[in-house]
Amino acid sequence: MLASYTRMTYSLAVIMIETTQSINNFLPITLGIAFSLIVSKLFNRGLYDYAIRLKQLPVLRNHMPAETGRYRVCDVLPHLRGHEY
């Protein structure tokens, strides 16, 4: 359940392996975590996604809107005009 809700995958697998102290359980634990992650992505967002939206924190989008594609940094930050980067 923790893997599907918080989307912790690798760290949760390591914690579970250290808790059980058996490397033989690695494959079943990893498969269980992977399956719960796949199923949870189909139905809901992660806990941290909900927290970010609830607190209305500014986040970057995955893609840039088409109308802003022609802007340069010096158009937005005028004090950088004349500098070569």
C-alpha atoms as a PDB file:
ATOM      1  CA  MET A   1       0.000   0.000   0.000  1.00  0.00           C
ATOM      2  CA  LEU A   2       2.851   2.370   0.761  1.00  0.00           C
ATOM      3  CA  ALA A   3       4.320   1.766  -2.700  1.00  0.00           C
ATOM      4  CA  SER A   4       1.085   2.707  -4.414  1.00  0.00           C
ATOM      5  CA  TYR A   5       0.236   5.731  -2.294  1.00  0.00           C
ATOM      6  CA  THR A   6       3.587   7.499  -1.947  1.00  0.00           C
ATOM      7  CA  ARG A   7       5.168   6.050  -5.096  1.00  0.00           C
ATOM      8  CA  MET A   8       8.273   4.971  -3.175  1.00  0.00           C
ATOM      9  CA  THR A   9       9.682   2.015  -5.078  1.00  0.00           C
ATOM     10  CA  TYR A  10      13.385   1.377  -4.650  1.00  0.00           C
ATOM     11  CA  SER A  11      13.686   2.662  -1.096  1.00  0.00           C
ATOM     12  CA  LEU A  12      10.660   0.631  -0.032  1.00  0.00           C
ATOM     13  CA  ALA A  13      12.159  -2.512  -1.572  1.00  0.00           C
ATOM     14  CA  VAL A  14      15.422  -1.947   0.314  1.00  0.00           C
ATOM     15  CA  ILE A  15      13.573  -1.322   3.584  1.00  0.00           C
ATOM     16  CA  MET A  16      11.541  -4.510   3.164  1.00  0.00           C
ATOM     17  CA  ILE A  17      14.634  -6.595   2.339  1.00  0.00           C
ATOM     18  CA  GLU A  18      16.463  -5.217   5.393  1.00  0.00           C
ATOM     19  CA  THR A  19      13.427  -5.872   7.596  1.00  0.00           C
ATOM     20  CA  THR A  20      12.989  -9.482   6.522  1.00  0.00           C
ATOM     21  CA  GLN A  21      16.778 -10.094   6.415  1.00  0.00           C
ATOM     22  CA  SER A  22      16.256 -12.550   3.578  1.00  0.00           C
ATOM     23  CA  ILE A  23      17.537 -11.963   0.072  1.00  0.00           C
ATOM     24  CA  ASN A  24      15.264 -14.791  -1.104  1.00  0.00           C
ATOM     25  CA  ASN A  25      12.291 -12.444  -0.781  1.00  0.00           C
ATOM     26  CA  PHE A  26      13.773  -9.872  -3.163  1.00  0.00           C
ATOM     27  CA  LEU A  27      11.946 -10.988  -6.298  1.00  0.00           C
ATOM     28  CA  PRO A  28       8.451 -11.331  -4.719  1.00  0.00           C
ATOM     29  CA  ILE A  29       8.812  -7.972  -2.952  1.00  0.00           C
ATOM     30  CA  THR A  30      10.008  -6.232  -6.107  1.00  0.00           C
ATOM     31  CA  LEU A  31       7.215  -7.733  -8.201  1.00  0.00           C
ATOM     32  CA  GLY A  32       4.610  -6.766  -5.603  1.00  0.00           C
ATOM     33  CA  ILE A  33       5.877  -3.195  -5.486  1.00  0.00           C
ATOM     34  CA  ALA A  34       5.968  -2.950  -9.293  1.00  0.00           C
ATOM     35  CA  PHE A  35       2.445  -4.327  -9.638  1.00  0.00           C
ATOM     36  CA  SER A  36       1.028  -1.959  -7.000  1.00  0.00           C
ATOM     37  CA  LEU A  37       2.747   0.992  -8.661  1.00  0.00           C
ATOM     38  CA  ILE A  38       1.283   0.144 -12.073  1.00  0.00           C
ATOM     39  CA  VAL A  39      -2.230  -0.327 -10.695  1.00  0.00           C
ATOM     40  CA  SER A  40      -2.091   2.860  -8.618  1.00  0.00           C
ATOM     41  CA  LYS A  41      -1.033   4.980 -11.607  1.00  0.00           C
ATOM     42  CA  LEU A  42      -4.196   3.854 -13.366  1.00  0.00           C
ATOM     43  CA  PHE A  43      -6.527   5.064 -10.615  1.00  0.00           C
ATOM     44  CA  ASN A  44      -5.078   8.038  -8.712  1.00  0.00           C
ATOM     45  CA  ARG A  45      -2.219  10.454  -8.140  1.00  0.00           C
ATOM     46  CA  GLY A  46       0.462  10.074  -5.521  1.00  0.00           C
ATOM     47  CA  LEU A  47       0.335  11.500  -2.005  1.00  0.00           C
ATOM     48  CA  TYR A  48       2.864  14.217  -2.790  1.00  0.00           C
ATOM     49  CA  ASP A  49       0.959  15.293  -5.913  1.00  0.00           C
ATOM     50  CA  TYR A  50      -2.127  15.831  -3.776  1.00  0.00           C
ATOM     51  CA  ALA A  51      -0.124  17.779  -1.183  1.00  0.00           C
ATOM     52  CA  ILE A  52       1.378  20.073  -3.836  1.00  0.00           C
ATOM     53  CA  ARG A  53      -2.044  20.822  -5.310  1.00  0.00           C
ATOM     54  CA  LEU A  54      -3.627  21.315  -1.879  1.00  0.00           C
ATOM     55  CA  LYS A  55      -0.989  23.862  -0.854  1.00  0.00           C
ATOM     56  CA  GLN A  56      -1.186  25.483  -4.311  1.00  0.00           C
ATOM     57  CA  LEU A  57       2.578  25.418  -4.795  1.00  0.00           C
ATOM     58  CA  PRO A  58       3.866  26.613  -8.160  1.00  0.00           C
ATOM     59  CA  VAL A  59       5.252  23.805 -10.310  1.00  0.00           C
ATOM     60  CA  LEU A  60       6.684  23.706 -13.804  1.00  0.00           C
ATOM     61  CA  ARG A  61       4.663  22.125 -16.563  1.00  0.00           C
ATOM     62  CA  ASN A  62       5.870  19.107 -18.498  1.00  0.00           C
ATOM     63  CA  HIS A  63       5.810  21.039 -21.764  1.00  0.00           C
ATOM     64  CA  MET A  64       6.109  24.655 -22.836  1.00  0.00           C
ATOM     65  CA  PRO A  65       3.098  26.400 -24.406  1.00  0.00           C
ATOM     66  CA  ALA A  66       3.562  27.045 -28.143  1.00  0.00           C
ATOM     67  CA  GLU A  67       3.149  30.829 -27.857  1.00  0.00           C
ATOM     68  CA  THR A  68       6.132  31.133 -25.492  1.00  0.00           C
ATOM     69  CA  GLY A  69       8.538  29.172 -27.680  1.00  0.00           C
ATOM     70  CA  ARG A  70      10.006  32.250 -29.373  1.00  0.00           C
ATOM     71  CA  TYR A  71      10.990  34.092 -26.153  1.00  0.00           C
ATOM     72  CA  ARG A  72      14.588  34.287 -24.988  1.00  0.00           C
ATOM     73  CA  VAL A  73      15.900  34.746 -21.471  1.00  0.00           C
ATOM     74  CA  CYS A  74      16.945  38.338 -22.152  1.00  0.00           C
ATOM     75  CA  ASP A  75      13.335  39.143 -23.151  1.00  0.00           C
ATOM     76  CA  VAL A  76      12.128  38.085 -19.717  1.00  0.00           C
ATOM     77  CA  LEU A  77      15.121  39.266 -17.666  1.00  0.00           C
ATOM     78  CA  PRO A  78      16.203  42.606 -19.188  1.00  0.00           C
ATOM     79  CA  HIS A  79      19.257  42.983 -16.934  1.00  0.00           C
ATOM     80  CA  LEU A  80      20.890  40.108 -18.836  1.00  0.00           C
ATOM     81  CA  ARG A  81      21.001  42.010 -22.140  1.00  0.00           C
ATOM     82  CA  GLY A  82      24.466  42.176 -23.625  1.00  0.00           C
ATOM     83  CA  HIS A  83      25.807  39.143 -21.764  1.00  0.00           C
ATOM     84  CA  GLU A  84      26.850  36.076 -23.727  1.00  0.00           C
ATOM     85  CA  TYR A  85      25.938  32.755 -22.114  1.00  0.00           C
END
